[in-house]
């Protein structure tokens, strides 16, 4: 659905090194290509409204290679599906539908793994709306029935296998509630969980727009594959921020408050990601806490798990407003990727930067990523994600895949093919 056309620009990103001198990434004479692709906006996006919300997809269409991700606008209902082939060539499909309500931006995205569906949260309407995008021969959009009486439905969305059935379940959070859709059935909403004092859920409307319009929520598998937890971030205005953890009954799908992690930073819980940072085979939790921190919690997640700081050099702005986890360097343990879109670079305010930290204690910060020519209001790092890039056997157990980092800004989605220690460029000639 929508014409297919291509937008491609190459804009280098440099690594901020302690010592002056040339950056080898600017030349890349062996590969004869720029190490960073900056994907620009299709025509139906605003000139400064592309790249702020990104969702990499884990699966590709049959016969495809490279990467695929979804981008939504912040100010309008514009949505696009971006394909990057194994050579780094970029194509885009506009996603249009009569189901979309004009001037209702989609601010929350979640892939339904193992399917060809994506959940789209648009909480800005009268009560909020959630759509289900199905990517087949055409791009189809359907509405997800909302419970009555909820406020800002679709602030956060997630999907995963919560109950005992084979089909993934949908999770939607609003301003104060959590709802589960068993087997992804739009008509089978399980009554919202009662948060309780141990699992605060109310998101104040007085929060900054970045907190009010998108809420962090994810499904975290339990150790041993015995079930899953729903993790929801709840930043606040002045009180302690919280990350609530709910357990789900495998038969009924009812979510029950288990416990919550709290931190003195009011905006603790603004962003969430999972990764195995200490290489012990269990998923850990990464928590963004702007304006100056990120924290991690070793898996499995229990009430007794300590909240540990990620070793980040001090930075003013919005450090921690976006987080991601990925094995970038091919060594044991994932890297933590932390965005700071409001960072000042040189004389450019709100230019933005991205921090990367590795090590079993997340105590080794790599050189900072910035645009080669930082510009005011670029907000580079307003979103960060791990982007799987497949070169062969895609969609099969023998797939050859490398994790890249895709960074959102005000005008571009930037794909970095050669991060420090990341090995060779995966693009094929």
Foldseek 3Di string as FASTA:
>chain_A
DADKDFFWDAFAWAFDDPDDDDGVQPCPPVVRDRQKIWGFDDPVADQQWKFLDKAWAQADPPPFFWTKIKIWGDFWQWIKIWDQGLQRTIMIGTDDDPPDDTRQTFDEWEDQPPFQWMWTWRLPDPATWIWIWGDDPDTDIDTQDDDPPHHSKRLYKEWAQAADDDAIKIWIAGQFWIWIAPSPDSVRIDPTEDQPPQGGRHADPPDPPLQRRHWAWYWFAAPPRPGIKIWTWHAYDQAWTKIWIWHAYNPRRHTYTAGIDTDRQRRWRLYKEWWFQLLPPHIKIWIFRPDWFIWIWDDPDDNPTDTGTQADDTFGATWRNEWEWDCQQPDRGIKIKIWGQQGDDDNAGSQIKIWIFHDNRNNRIDGIIGGPDGHHQFSWQSYKYWIWGWDPPGPDPPTDTHTWMWIGTSTTTMTRQDDVNRDDRSRDD
